[in-house]
Amino acid sequence: MSTSPVLLDVQGLQTAFHTEAGAWLAVDGVDLTVKRGEILGLVGESGSGKSVTGFSLLGLIDPPGEVVSGSVRFNGKELRGLREEQMRALRGDRIAMIFQDPLMTLNPVLKVGEQMAEAIYTHYPRVSRDEIRARCTEALGQVGIPSPASRLDNYPHEFSGGMRQRVAIAIAMLNKPELIIADEPTTALDVTIQAQILFEMQKLCREQNTAMIWITHDLGVVAELADQVAVMYAGRIVEYGSVEHVLANPVHPYTKGLMESMPGAAAPGARLAQIEGMAPTLTSRETGCPFRPRCPRRGDLCAQQAPEVTARGERRYRCHYPLEVQA
């Protein structure tokens, strides 16, 4: 097993969806590095490619989608090109994913306890029934399910939507994976339960040295939870760096726009700022910088060519006319 602090190294990831009109890149040259025990927040508006990136890392893109190029190295091993049975051995054990919609995760005709037990038994068939039940009960308790032992015998329809989401989170945490990819897992939860989930996730990462990619549109959650942040727009990472530096001093105009449009960013009684226009669809992206039609700093160069990656220390961004980088 690799002893490198880097657990996940993604370089040049491209995912395309094939149509009669051609192939359209939903993920276009994404580079990510996640260290052991580190939490990376992947943020951006709906349609920016965040969820497709998460699915691509696990090899869960179905036709007409396809990962067309790039490298995904997990613990020093290249995942692209692995057979499906090899990927299944990783999913749910060393790498877990929490889906945004719990209805995609839970089988309506099986009790919750049976589905949780299967997640353990599939990878550890010699574990005793008593130990499996104890681990399942503990996991439900960690995510705030009351009377967790008795709730194992309930069916998904006997849980509210928010509680089903908590069950999905518990299943992902069962085998204490090395990496968790969480696709907006707290969207359906109230703020009290969300705070509890964030605490348990941080605790897991700290105690088990688990790494996590937290996919969200909520910069407030990222500020509280993550160590690093990657801001995504139109399939590309447009700004990348530590949460402390990016949120305190955004370089890309899109990052600044997201922060200014957060509730609480405006003065009391003032109108909430917004980013003009709409994010481009797969088929409407133009030549040049995809953010150009919405950018207050756009210039002639933005229409001519897409910006390449600029690196300043650990900060990376794609912008021809960036905001000032503070020391």
C-alpha atoms as a PDB file:
ATOM      1  CA  MET A   1       0.000   0.000   0.000  1.00  0.00           C
ATOM      2  CA  SER A   2       1.246   3.466  -0.841  1.00  0.00           C
ATOM      3  CA  THR A   3       2.464   5.645   2.029  1.00  0.00           C
ATOM      4  CA  SER A   4       2.142   8.879   0.020  1.00  0.00           C
ATOM      5  CA  PRO A   5       0.031  11.579   1.687  1.00  0.00           C
ATOM      6  CA  VAL A   6      -1.818  11.963  -1.636  1.00  0.00           C
ATOM      7  CA  LEU A   7      -4.752   9.533  -1.754  1.00  0.00           C
ATOM      8  CA  LEU A   8      -6.495  10.670  -4.952  1.00  0.00           C
ATOM      9  CA  ASP A   9      -4.744  12.282  -7.916  1.00  0.00           C
ATOM     10  CA  VAL A  10      -6.914  13.263 -10.891  1.00  0.00           C
ATOM     11  CA  GLN A  11      -5.293  14.706 -14.006  1.00  0.00           C
ATOM     12  CA  GLY A  12      -6.948  15.873 -17.221  1.00  0.00           C
ATOM     13  CA  LEU A  13     -10.280  14.135 -16.599  1.00  0.00           C
ATOM     14  CA  GLN A  14     -12.704  14.505 -19.499  1.00  0.00           C
ATOM     15  CA  THR A  15     -16.215  13.067 -19.655  1.00  0.00           C
ATOM     16  CA  ALA A  16     -18.310  13.418 -22.805  1.00  0.00           C
ATOM     17  CA  PHE A  17     -21.923  12.701 -23.677  1.00  0.00           C
ATOM     18  CA  HIS A  18     -22.426  11.468 -27.224  1.00  0.00           C
ATOM     19  CA  THR A  19     -25.401  12.689 -29.233  1.00  0.00           C
ATOM     20  CA  GLU A  20     -26.388  12.762 -32.879  1.00  0.00           C
ATOM     21  CA  ALA A  21     -25.006  16.295 -33.008  1.00  0.00           C
ATOM     22  CA  GLY A  22     -21.627  15.221 -31.633  1.00  0.00           C
ATOM     23  CA  ALA A  23     -19.795  14.697 -28.348  1.00  0.00           C
ATOM     24  CA  TRP A  24     -20.254  17.316 -25.624  1.00  0.00           C
ATOM     25  CA  LEU A  25     -17.816  17.625 -22.725  1.00  0.00           C
ATOM     26  CA  ALA A  26     -19.550  17.779 -19.351  1.00  0.00           C
ATOM     27  CA  VAL A  27     -16.186  17.502 -17.573  1.00  0.00           C
ATOM     28  CA  ASP A  28     -13.352  19.195 -19.414  1.00  0.00           C
ATOM     29  CA  GLY A  29      -9.818  18.696 -18.138  1.00  0.00           C
ATOM     30  CA  VAL A  30     -10.391  18.485 -14.379  1.00  0.00           C
ATOM     31  CA  ASP A  31      -7.319  18.236 -12.125  1.00  0.00           C
ATOM     32  CA  LEU A  32      -7.812  17.393  -8.434  1.00  0.00           C
ATOM     33  CA  THR A  33      -5.548  16.222  -5.632  1.00  0.00           C
ATOM     34  CA  VAL A  34      -6.922  14.997  -2.301  1.00  0.00           C
ATOM     35  CA  LYS A  35      -4.660  14.033   0.585  1.00  0.00           C
ATOM     36  CA  ARG A  36      -5.442  11.488   3.275  1.00  0.00           C
ATOM     37  CA  GLY A  37      -7.671  12.989   5.945  1.00  0.00           C
ATOM     38  CA  GLU A  38      -8.370  16.057   3.801  1.00  0.00           C
ATOM     39  CA  ILE A  39     -11.792  17.412   2.827  1.00  0.00           C
ATOM     40  CA  LEU A  40     -12.147  19.016  -0.591  1.00  0.00           C
ATOM     41  CA  GLY A  41     -15.218  21.118  -1.313  1.00  0.00           C
ATOM     42  CA  LEU A  42     -16.302  20.975  -4.973  1.00  0.00           C
ATOM     43  CA  VAL A  43     -18.639  23.925  -5.529  1.00  0.00           C
ATOM     44  CA  GLY A  44     -20.538  25.567  -8.349  1.00  0.00           C
ATOM     45  CA  GLU A  45     -24.013  26.165  -9.757  1.00  0.00           C
ATOM     46  CA  SER A  46     -26.260  23.356 -10.987  1.00  0.00           C
ATOM     47  CA  GLY A  47     -25.043  22.109 -14.342  1.00  0.00           C
ATOM     48  CA  SER A  48     -21.399  22.975 -13.719  1.00  0.00           C
ATOM     49  CA  GLY A  49     -20.291  19.319 -13.849  1.00  0.00           C
ATOM     50  CA  LYS A  50     -19.796  18.586 -10.149  1.00  0.00           C
ATOM     51  CA  SER A  51     -21.909  15.427  -9.910  1.00  0.00           C
ATOM     52  CA  VAL A  52     -20.663  14.119 -13.266  1.00  0.00           C
ATOM     53  CA  THR A  53     -17.120  14.503 -11.937  1.00  0.00           C
ATOM     54  CA  GLY A  54     -17.985  12.437  -8.867  1.00  0.00           C
ATOM     55  CA  PHE A  55     -19.622   9.713 -10.952  1.00  0.00           C
ATOM     56  CA  SER A  56     -16.663   9.712 -13.352  1.00  0.00           C
ATOM     57  CA  LEU A  57     -14.175   9.069 -10.542  1.00  0.00           C
ATOM     58  CA  LEU A  58     -16.053   5.897  -9.586  1.00  0.00           C
ATOM     59  CA  GLY A  59     -16.643   4.688 -13.140  1.00  0.00           C
ATOM     60  CA  LEU A  60     -20.407   5.166 -12.871  1.00  0.00           C
ATOM     61  CA  ILE A  61     -20.984   6.990 -16.165  1.00  0.00           C
ATOM     62  CA  ASP A  62     -23.462   5.116 -18.352  1.00  0.00           C
ATOM     63  CA  PRO A  63     -23.933   5.474 -22.138  1.00  0.00           C
ATOM     64  CA  PRO A  64     -24.291   7.817 -23.911  1.00  0.00           C
ATOM     65  CA  GLY A  65     -21.792   9.230 -21.413  1.00  0.00           C
ATOM     66  CA  GLU A  66     -18.149   8.159 -21.392  1.00  0.00           C
ATOM     67  CA  VAL A  67     -14.923   9.095 -19.631  1.00  0.00           C
ATOM     68  CA  VAL A  68     -12.827   9.812 -22.709  1.00  0.00           C
ATOM     69  CA  SER A  69      -9.447  10.781 -21.256  1.00  0.00           C
ATOM     70  CA  GLY A  70      -7.469  11.571 -18.155  1.00  0.00           C
ATOM     71  CA  SER A  71      -5.988   9.752 -15.190  1.00  0.00           C
ATOM     72  CA  VAL A  72      -7.605   8.801 -11.871  1.00  0.00           C
ATOM     73  CA  ARG A  73      -5.052   7.407  -9.446  1.00  0.00           C
ATOM     74  CA  PHE A  74      -6.294   6.148  -6.088  1.00  0.00           C
ATOM     75  CA  ASN A  75      -3.669   5.191  -3.514  1.00  0.00           C
ATOM     76  CA  GLY A  76      -1.134   5.175  -6.342  1.00  0.00           C
ATOM     77  CA  LYS A  77      -3.183   2.820  -8.541  1.00  0.00           C
ATOM     78  CA  GLU A  78      -4.782   3.853 -11.823  1.00  0.00           C
ATOM     79  CA  LEU A  79      -8.546   3.269 -11.732  1.00  0.00           C
ATOM     80  CA  ARG A  80      -9.257   3.934 -15.390  1.00  0.00           C
ATOM     81  CA  GLY A  81      -9.099   0.670 -17.273  1.00  0.00           C
ATOM     82  CA  LEU A  82      -9.967  -1.537 -14.291  1.00  0.00           C
ATOM     83  CA  ARG A  83     -12.528  -4.271 -14.916  1.00  0.00           C
ATOM     84  CA  GLU A  84     -16.013  -3.739 -13.484  1.00  0.00           C
ATOM     85  CA  GLU A  85     -15.545  -6.439 -10.834  1.00  0.00           C
ATOM     86  CA  GLN A  86     -12.376  -4.681  -9.658  1.00  0.00           C
ATOM     87  CA  MET A  87     -14.246  -1.388  -9.361  1.00  0.00           C
ATOM     88  CA  ARG A  88     -17.092  -3.085  -7.463  1.00  0.00           C
ATOM     89  CA  ALA A  89     -14.551  -4.340  -4.929  1.00  0.00           C
ATOM     90  CA  LEU A  90     -13.519  -0.734  -4.273  1.00  0.00           C
ATOM     91  CA  ARG A  91     -16.981   0.869  -4.240  1.00  0.00           C
ATOM     92  CA  GLY A  92     -18.677   0.803  -0.852  1.00  0.00           C
ATOM     93  CA  ASP A  93     -15.509  -0.378   0.865  1.00  0.00           C
ATOM     94  CA  ARG A  94     -12.396   1.725   0.206  1.00  0.00           C
ATOM     95  CA  ILE A  95     -14.336   4.371  -1.746  1.00  0.00           C
ATOM     96  CA  ALA A  96     -17.925   5.242  -0.829  1.00  0.00           C
ATOM     97  CA  MET A  97     -20.391   7.587  -2.480  1.00  0.00           C
ATOM     98  CA  ILE A  98     -23.332   9.354  -0.915  1.00  0.00           C
ATOM     99  CA  PHE A  99     -25.909  10.154  -3.581  1.00  0.00           C
ATOM    100  CA  GLN A 100     -28.005  13.301  -3.546  1.00  0.00           C
ATOM    101  CA  ASP A 101     -31.275  11.382  -3.902  1.00  0.00           C
ATOM    102  CA  PRO A 102     -31.710   8.606  -1.292  1.00  0.00           C
ATOM    103  CA  LEU A 103     -34.338   6.969  -3.509  1.00  0.00           C
ATOM    104  CA  MET A 104     -31.447   6.054  -5.820  1.00  0.00           C
ATOM    105  CA  THR A 105     -29.712   4.309  -2.923  1.00  0.00           C
ATOM    106  CA  LEU A 106     -32.375   2.484  -0.925  1.00  0.00           C
ATOM    107  CA  ASN A 107     -34.363  -0.542  -2.097  1.00  0.00           C
ATOM    108  CA  PRO A 108     -38.041   0.011  -1.143  1.00  0.00           C
ATOM    109  CA  VAL A 109     -38.760  -3.706  -0.615  1.00  0.00           C
ATOM    110  CA  LEU A 110     -35.896  -4.445   1.793  1.00  0.00           C
ATOM    111  CA  LYS A 111     -35.631  -3.432   5.426  1.00  0.00           C
ATOM    112  CA  VAL A 112     -33.048  -0.772   6.188  1.00  0.00           C
ATOM    113  CA  GLY A 113     -31.073  -3.188   8.365  1.00  0.00           C
ATOM    114  CA  GLU A 114     -30.869  -5.727   5.526  1.00  0.00           C
ATOM    115  CA  GLN A 115     -29.527  -3.112   3.127  1.00  0.00           C
ATOM    116  CA  MET A 116     -26.955  -1.892   5.627  1.00  0.00           C
ATOM    117  CA  ALA A 117     -25.877  -5.449   6.429  1.00  0.00           C
ATOM    118  CA  GLU A 118     -25.404  -6.161   2.726  1.00  0.00           C
ATOM    119  CA  ALA A 119     -22.990  -3.222   2.464  1.00  0.00           C
ATOM    120  CA  ILE A 120     -20.790  -4.897   5.079  1.00  0.00           C
ATOM    121  CA  TYR A 121     -21.301  -8.543   4.109  1.00  0.00           C
ATOM    122  CA  THR A 122     -20.484  -7.949   0.427  1.00  0.00           C
ATOM    123  CA  HIS A 123     -16.940  -6.952   1.349  1.00  0.00           C
ATOM    124  CA  TYR A 124     -16.516  -8.820   4.666  1.00  0.00           C
ATOM    125  CA  PRO A 125     -18.457 -12.106   4.439  1.00  0.00           C
ATOM    126  CA  ARG A 126     -16.910 -13.556   7.618  1.00  0.00           C
ATOM    127  CA  VAL A 127     -18.220 -10.859   9.950  1.00  0.00           C
ATOM    128  CA  SER A 128     -20.779 -12.258  12.417  1.00  0.00           C
ATOM    129  CA  ARG A 129     -24.430 -11.209  12.341  1.00  0.00           C
ATOM    130  CA  ASP A 130     -24.183  -9.737  15.834  1.00  0.00           C
ATOM    131  CA  GLU A 131     -21.210  -7.580  14.869  1.00  0.00           C
ATOM    132  CA  ILE A 132     -22.931  -6.441  11.659  1.00  0.00           C
ATOM    133  CA  ARG A 133     -26.042  -5.427  13.575  1.00  0.00           C
ATOM    134  CA  ALA A 134     -23.946  -3.599  16.175  1.00  0.00           C
ATOM    135  CA  ARG A 135     -22.086  -1.673  13.445  1.00  0.00           C
ATOM    136  CA  CYS A 136     -25.334  -0.791  11.676  1.00  0.00           C
ATOM    137  CA  THR A 137     -26.916   0.405  14.912  1.00  0.00           C
ATOM    138  CA  GLU A 138     -23.883   2.549  15.697  1.00  0.00           C
ATOM    139  CA  ALA A 139     -23.888   4.088  12.199  1.00  0.00           C
ATOM    140  CA  LEU A 140     -27.582   5.046  12.419  1.00  0.00           C
ATOM    141  CA  GLY A 141     -26.979   6.612  15.814  1.00  0.00           C
ATOM    142  CA  GLN A 142     -24.080   8.660  14.425  1.00  0.00           C
ATOM    143  CA  VAL A 143     -26.354  10.310  11.868  1.00  0.00           C
ATOM    144  CA  GLY A 144     -29.067  11.140  14.396  1.00  0.00           C
ATOM    145  CA  ILE A 145     -31.636   8.372  13.840  1.00  0.00           C
ATOM    146  CA  PRO A 146     -33.579   7.923  17.130  1.00  0.00           C
ATOM    147  CA  SER A 147     -33.912   4.371  18.523  1.00  0.00           C
ATOM    148  CA  PRO A 148     -31.436   3.096  15.897  1.00  0.00           C
ATOM    149  CA  ALA A 149     -31.594  -0.583  16.889  1.00  0.00           C
ATOM    150  CA  SER A 150     -35.347  -0.812  16.326  1.00  0.00           C
ATOM    151  CA  ARG A 151     -35.279   1.283  13.159  1.00  0.00           C
ATOM    152  CA  LEU A 152     -33.117  -1.330  11.447  1.00  0.00           C
ATOM    153  CA  ASP A 153     -36.294  -3.386  11.071  1.00  0.00           C
ATOM    154  CA  ASN A 154     -38.195  -0.620   9.255  1.00  0.00           C
ATOM    155  CA  TYR A 155     -38.633  -0.194   5.507  1.00  0.00           C
ATOM    156  CA  PRO A 156     -37.511   3.003   3.715  1.00  0.00           C
ATOM    157  CA  HIS A 157     -41.102   4.222   3.304  1.00  0.00           C
ATOM    158  CA  GLU A 158     -41.384   4.365   7.104  1.00  0.00           C
ATOM    159  CA  PHE A 159     -38.723   7.082   7.180  1.00  0.00           C
ATOM    160  CA  SER A 160     -39.099  10.722   6.179  1.00  0.00           C
ATOM    161  CA  GLY A 161     -37.096  12.021   3.226  1.00  0.00           C
ATOM    162  CA  GLY A 162     -34.499  13.563   5.496  1.00  0.00           C
ATOM    163  CA  MET A 163     -34.164  10.368   7.536  1.00  0.00           C
ATOM    164  CA  ARG A 164     -33.723   8.313   4.358  1.00  0.00           C
ATOM    165  CA  GLN A 165     -30.877  10.623   3.427  1.00  0.00           C
ATOM    166  CA  ARG A 166     -29.318  10.038   6.841  1.00  0.00           C
ATOM    167  CA  VAL A 167     -29.579   6.269   6.265  1.00  0.00           C
ATOM    168  CA  ALA A 168     -27.758   6.694   2.949  1.00  0.00           C
ATOM    169  CA  ILE A 169     -25.004   8.626   4.732  1.00  0.00           C
ATOM    170  CA  ALA A 170     -24.769   5.924   7.407  1.00  0.00           C
ATOM    171  CA  ILE A 171     -24.360   3.212   4.748  1.00  0.00           C
ATOM    172  CA  ALA A 172     -21.483   5.124   3.166  1.00  0.00           C
ATOM    173  CA  MET A 173     -19.738   5.408   6.550  1.00  0.00           C
ATOM    174  CA  LEU A 174     -20.202   1.748   7.548  1.00  0.00           C
ATOM    175  CA  ASN A 175     -16.892   0.318   6.293  1.00  0.00           C
ATOM    176  CA  LYS A 176     -14.858   3.403   7.254  1.00  0.00           C
ATOM    177  CA  PRO A 177     -13.711   4.029   3.666  1.00  0.00           C
ATOM    178  CA  GLU A 178     -10.486   5.766   2.718  1.00  0.00           C
ATOM    179  CA  LEU A 179     -12.400   8.179   0.463  1.00  0.00           C
ATOM    180  CA  ILE A 180     -15.999   9.409   0.544  1.00  0.00           C
ATOM    181  CA  ILE A 181     -17.544  11.248  -2.398  1.00  0.00           C
ATOM    182  CA  ALA A 182     -20.569  13.094  -1.009  1.00  0.00           C
ATOM    183  CA  ASP A 183     -22.961  14.583  -3.586  1.00  0.00           C
ATOM    184  CA  GLU A 184     -24.895  17.303  -1.705  1.00  0.00           C
ATOM    185  CA  PRO A 185     -25.835  14.816   1.043  1.00  0.00           C
ATOM    186  CA  THR A 186     -27.345  17.326   3.484  1.00  0.00           C
ATOM    187  CA  THR A 187     -29.630  19.181   1.045  1.00  0.00           C
ATOM    188  CA  ALA A 188     -32.816  17.589   2.459  1.00  0.00           C
ATOM    189  CA  LEU A 189     -31.842  18.008   6.112  1.00  0.00           C
ATOM    190  CA  ASP A 190     -32.711  20.764   8.556  1.00  0.00           C
ATOM    191  CA  VAL A 191     -29.854  22.870   9.906  1.00  0.00           C
ATOM    192  CA  THR A 192     -29.657  21.060  13.267  1.00  0.00           C
ATOM    193  CA  ILE A 193     -29.243  17.627  11.689  1.00  0.00           C
ATOM    194  CA  GLN A 194     -26.937  19.099   9.031  1.00  0.00           C
ATOM    195  CA  ALA A 195     -24.633  20.385  11.760  1.00  0.00           C
ATOM    196  CA  GLN A 196     -24.604  16.939  13.381  1.00  0.00           C
ATOM    197  CA  ILE A 197     -23.753  15.252  10.058  1.00  0.00           C
ATOM    198  CA  LEU A 198     -20.948  17.725   9.362  1.00  0.00           C
ATOM    199  CA  PHE A 199     -19.534  17.069  12.840  1.00  0.00           C
ATOM    200  CA  GLU A 200     -19.604  13.280  12.319  1.00  0.00           C
ATOM    201  CA  MET A 201     -17.993  13.606   8.879  1.00  0.00           C
ATOM    202  CA  GLN A 202     -15.189  15.774  10.243  1.00  0.00           C
ATOM    203  CA  LYS A 203     -14.720  13.339  13.128  1.00  0.00           C
ATOM    204  CA  LEU A 204     -14.477  10.386  10.724  1.00  0.00           C
ATOM    205  CA  CYS A 205     -11.897  12.174   8.590  1.00  0.00           C
ATOM    206  CA  ARG A 206      -9.876  13.178  11.649  1.00  0.00           C
ATOM    207  CA  GLU A 207      -9.949   9.822  13.463  1.00  0.00           C
ATOM    208  CA  GLN A 208      -9.819   7.424  10.497  1.00  0.00           C
ATOM    209  CA  ASN A 209      -7.681   9.617   8.191  1.00  0.00           C
ATOM    210  CA  THR A 210     -10.509   9.409   5.649  1.00  0.00           C
ATOM    211  CA  ALA A 211     -10.441  11.813   2.706  1.00  0.00           C
ATOM    212  CA  MET A 212     -13.632  13.326   1.339  1.00  0.00           C
ATOM    213  CA  ILE A 213     -14.902  15.229  -1.679  1.00  0.00           C
ATOM    214  CA  TRP A 214     -17.953  17.247  -0.642  1.00  0.00           C
ATOM    215  CA  ILE A 215     -19.993  18.305  -3.684  1.00  0.00           C
ATOM    216  CA  THR A 216     -22.229  21.281  -2.963  1.00  0.00           C
ATOM    217  CA  HIS A 217     -23.480  24.690  -4.049  1.00  0.00           C
ATOM    218  CA  ASP A 218     -23.338  25.972  -0.460  1.00  0.00           C
ATOM    219  CA  LEU A 219     -20.175  27.945   0.234  1.00  0.00           C
ATOM    220  CA  GLY A 220     -21.256  28.300   3.863  1.00  0.00           C
ATOM    221  CA  VAL A 221     -20.955  24.537   4.354  1.00  0.00           C
ATOM    222  CA  VAL A 222     -17.602  24.513   2.567  1.00  0.00           C
ATOM    223  CA  ALA A 223     -16.288  27.269   4.836  1.00  0.00           C
ATOM    224  CA  GLU A 224     -17.244  25.215   7.895  1.00  0.00           C
ATOM    225  CA  LEU A 225     -16.216  21.776   6.649  1.00  0.00           C
ATOM    226  CA  ALA A 226     -13.498  21.765   3.988  1.00  0.00           C
ATOM    227  CA  ASP A 227      -9.736  22.241   3.894  1.00  0.00           C
ATOM    228  CA  GLN A 228      -9.464  22.852   0.143  1.00  0.00           C
ATOM    229  CA  VAL A 229     -12.008  24.177  -2.335  1.00  0.00           C
ATOM    230  CA  ALA A 230     -12.367  23.719  -6.088  1.00  0.00           C
ATOM    231  CA  VAL A 231     -14.782  26.085  -7.837  1.00  0.00           C
ATOM    232  CA  MET A 232     -16.278  24.548 -10.979  1.00  0.00           C
ATOM    233  CA  TYR A 233     -17.926  26.242 -13.947  1.00  0.00           C
ATOM    234  CA  ALA A 234     -18.941  24.766 -17.326  1.00  0.00           C
ATOM    235  CA  GLY A 235     -17.046  21.540 -16.719  1.00  0.00           C
ATOM    236  CA  ARG A 236     -13.778  23.154 -15.624  1.00  0.00           C
ATOM    237  CA  ILE A 237     -12.130  24.027 -12.332  1.00  0.00           C
ATOM    238  CA  VAL A 238     -11.836  27.824 -12.482  1.00  0.00           C
ATOM    239  CA  GLU A 239     -10.287  28.336  -9.033  1.00  0.00           C
ATOM    240  CA  TYR A 240      -8.572  25.963  -6.633  1.00  0.00           C
ATOM    241  CA  GLY A 241      -6.852  26.488  -3.300  1.00  0.00           C
ATOM    242  CA  SER A 242      -7.204  26.418   0.452  1.00  0.00           C
ATOM    243  CA  VAL A 243     -10.594  27.417   1.860  1.00  0.00           C
ATOM    244  CA  GLU A 244      -8.908  30.102   3.948  1.00  0.00           C
ATOM    245  CA  HIS A 245      -7.303  31.806   0.942  1.00  0.00           C
ATOM    246  CA  VAL A 246     -10.027  31.319  -1.678  1.00  0.00           C
ATOM    247  CA  LEU A 247     -12.932  32.496   0.460  1.00  0.00           C
ATOM    248  CA  ALA A 248     -10.993  35.373   1.996  1.00  0.00           C
ATOM    249  CA  ASN A 249      -9.514  36.532  -1.318  1.00  0.00           C
ATOM    250  CA  PRO A 250     -11.247  35.089  -4.415  1.00  0.00           C
ATOM    251  CA  VAL A 251      -9.272  35.520  -7.627  1.00  0.00           C
ATOM    252  CA  HIS A 252     -11.833  34.427 -10.217  1.00  0.00           C
ATOM    253  CA  PRO A 253     -14.833  36.756 -10.781  1.00  0.00           C
ATOM    254  CA  TYR A 254     -17.154  33.726 -10.667  1.00  0.00           C
ATOM    255  CA  THR A 255     -15.956  32.786  -7.165  1.00  0.00           C
ATOM    256  CA  LYS A 256     -16.467  36.368  -6.038  1.00  0.00           C
ATOM    257  CA  GLY A 257     -19.974  36.370  -7.550  1.00  0.00           C
ATOM    258  CA  LEU A 258     -20.900  33.165  -5.718  1.00  0.00           C
ATOM    259  CA  MET A 259     -19.746  34.611  -2.415  1.00  0.00           C
ATOM    260  CA  GLU A 260     -21.576  37.901  -2.908  1.00  0.00           C
ATOM    261  CA  SER A 261     -24.830  36.075  -3.716  1.00  0.00           C
ATOM    262  CA  MET A 262     -24.823  34.127  -0.436  1.00  0.00           C
ATOM    263  CA  PRO A 263     -27.533  34.995   2.104  1.00  0.00           C
ATOM    264  CA  GLY A 264     -25.968  37.292   4.660  1.00  0.00           C
ATOM    265  CA  ALA A 265     -23.403  38.734   2.271  1.00  0.00           C
ATOM    266  CA  ALA A 266     -25.414  41.904   1.676  1.00  0.00           C
ATOM    267  CA  ALA A 267     -25.996  44.618   4.257  1.00  0.00           C
ATOM    268  CA  PRO A 268     -29.291  44.402   6.204  1.00  0.00           C
ATOM    269  CA  GLY A 269     -32.123  45.646   4.017  1.00  0.00           C
ATOM    270  CA  ALA A 270     -29.972  45.674   0.865  1.00  0.00           C
ATOM    271  CA  ARG A 271     -30.878  43.687  -2.229  1.00  0.00           C
ATOM    272  CA  LEU A 272     -29.037  40.367  -2.511  1.00  0.00           C
ATOM    273  CA  ALA A 273     -26.431  40.412  -5.281  1.00  0.00           C
ATOM    274  CA  GLN A 274     -26.699  37.956  -8.133  1.00  0.00           C
ATOM    275  CA  ILE A 275     -24.611  36.799 -11.063  1.00  0.00           C
ATOM    276  CA  GLU A 276     -26.238  38.060 -14.230  1.00  0.00           C
ATOM    277  CA  GLY A 277     -27.328  35.564 -16.887  1.00  0.00           C
ATOM    278  CA  MET A 278     -27.400  31.777 -16.755  1.00  0.00           C
ATOM    279  CA  ALA A 279     -24.751  29.078 -16.776  1.00  0.00           C
ATOM    280  CA  PRO A 280     -24.279  27.655 -20.290  1.00  0.00           C
ATOM    281  CA  THR A 281     -25.708  24.287 -21.223  1.00  0.00           C
ATOM    282  CA  LEU A 282     -23.543  21.591 -22.787  1.00  0.00           C
ATOM    283  CA  THR A 283     -24.615  22.616 -26.280  1.00  0.00           C
ATOM    284  CA  SER A 284     -24.454  26.388 -25.827  1.00  0.00           C
ATOM    285  CA  ARG A 285     -20.852  26.876 -24.761  1.00  0.00           C
ATOM    286  CA  GLU A 286     -19.057  29.400 -26.941  1.00  0.00           C
ATOM    287  CA  THR A 287     -15.461  29.846 -28.060  1.00  0.00           C
ATOM    288  CA  GLY A 288     -13.306  31.514 -25.442  1.00  0.00           C
ATOM    289  CA  CYS A 289     -14.006  31.771 -21.741  1.00  0.00           C
ATOM    290  CA  PRO A 290     -17.390  30.179 -20.922  1.00  0.00           C
ATOM    291  CA  PHE A 291     -17.966  32.705 -18.127  1.00  0.00           C
ATOM    292  CA  ARG A 292     -17.457  35.686 -20.460  1.00  0.00           C
ATOM    293  CA  PRO A 293     -21.178  36.524 -21.079  1.00  0.00           C
ATOM    294  CA  ARG A 294     -21.740  36.883 -17.312  1.00  0.00           C
ATOM    295  CA  CYS A 295     -18.404  38.377 -16.250  1.00  0.00           C
ATOM    296  CA  PRO A 296     -18.096  42.045 -15.181  1.00  0.00           C
ATOM    297  CA  ARG A 297     -14.352  41.978 -16.005  1.00  0.00           C
ATOM    298  CA  ARG A 298     -14.622  40.511 -19.512  1.00  0.00           C
ATOM    299  CA  GLY A 299     -12.347  41.831 -22.241  1.00  0.00           C
ATOM    300  CA  ASP A 300     -11.510  41.156 -25.878  1.00  0.00           C
ATOM    301  CA  LEU A 301      -9.161  38.295 -25.026  1.00  0.00           C
ATOM    302  CA  CYS A 302     -11.987  36.426 -23.263  1.00  0.00           C
ATOM    303  CA  ALA A 303     -13.867  36.027 -26.568  1.00  0.00           C
ATOM    304  CA  GLN A 304     -10.811  34.789 -28.437  1.00  0.00           C
ATOM    305  CA  GLN A 305      -9.496  31.965 -26.292  1.00  0.00           C
ATOM    306  CA  ALA A 306     -10.251  30.035 -23.132  1.00  0.00           C
ATOM    307  CA  PRO A 307      -7.874  30.901 -20.276  1.00  0.00           C
ATOM    308  CA  GLU A 308      -5.219  28.369 -19.335  1.00  0.00           C
ATOM    309  CA  VAL A 309      -4.413  27.429 -15.751  1.00  0.00           C
ATOM    310  CA  THR A 310      -2.313  29.964 -13.854  1.00  0.00           C
ATOM    311  CA  ALA A 311      -0.550  28.802 -10.692  1.00  0.00           C
ATOM    312  CA  ARG A 312       0.599  31.075  -7.893  1.00  0.00           C
ATOM    313  CA  GLY A 313       1.908  28.943  -5.081  1.00  0.00           C
ATOM    314  CA  GLU A 314      -0.833  26.463  -4.202  1.00  0.00           C
ATOM    315  CA  ARG A 315      -3.522  28.692  -5.763  1.00  0.00           C
ATOM    316  CA  ARG A 316      -4.658  27.813  -9.308  1.00  0.00           C
ATOM    317  CA  TYR A 317      -7.177  29.641 -11.484  1.00  0.00           C
ATOM    318  CA  ARG A 318      -8.370  30.147 -15.074  1.00  0.00           C
ATOM    319  CA  CYS A 319      -8.922  33.823 -15.854  1.00  0.00           C
ATOM    320  CA  HIS A 320      -7.459  36.393 -18.267  1.00  0.00           C
ATOM    321  CA  TYR A 321      -8.347  39.292 -15.961  1.00  0.00           C
ATOM    322  CA  PRO A 322      -8.201  37.950 -12.390  1.00  0.00           C
ATOM    323  CA  LEU A 323      -8.867  39.886  -9.258  1.00  0.00           C
ATOM    324  CA  GLU A 324      -5.800  40.938  -7.296  1.00  0.00           C
ATOM    325  CA  VAL A 325      -4.077  38.123  -5.410  1.00  0.00           C
ATOM    326  CA  GLN A 326      -3.254  39.253  -1.897  1.00  0.00           C
ATOM    327  CA  ALA A 327      -0.043  38.070  -0.304  1.00  0.00           C
END
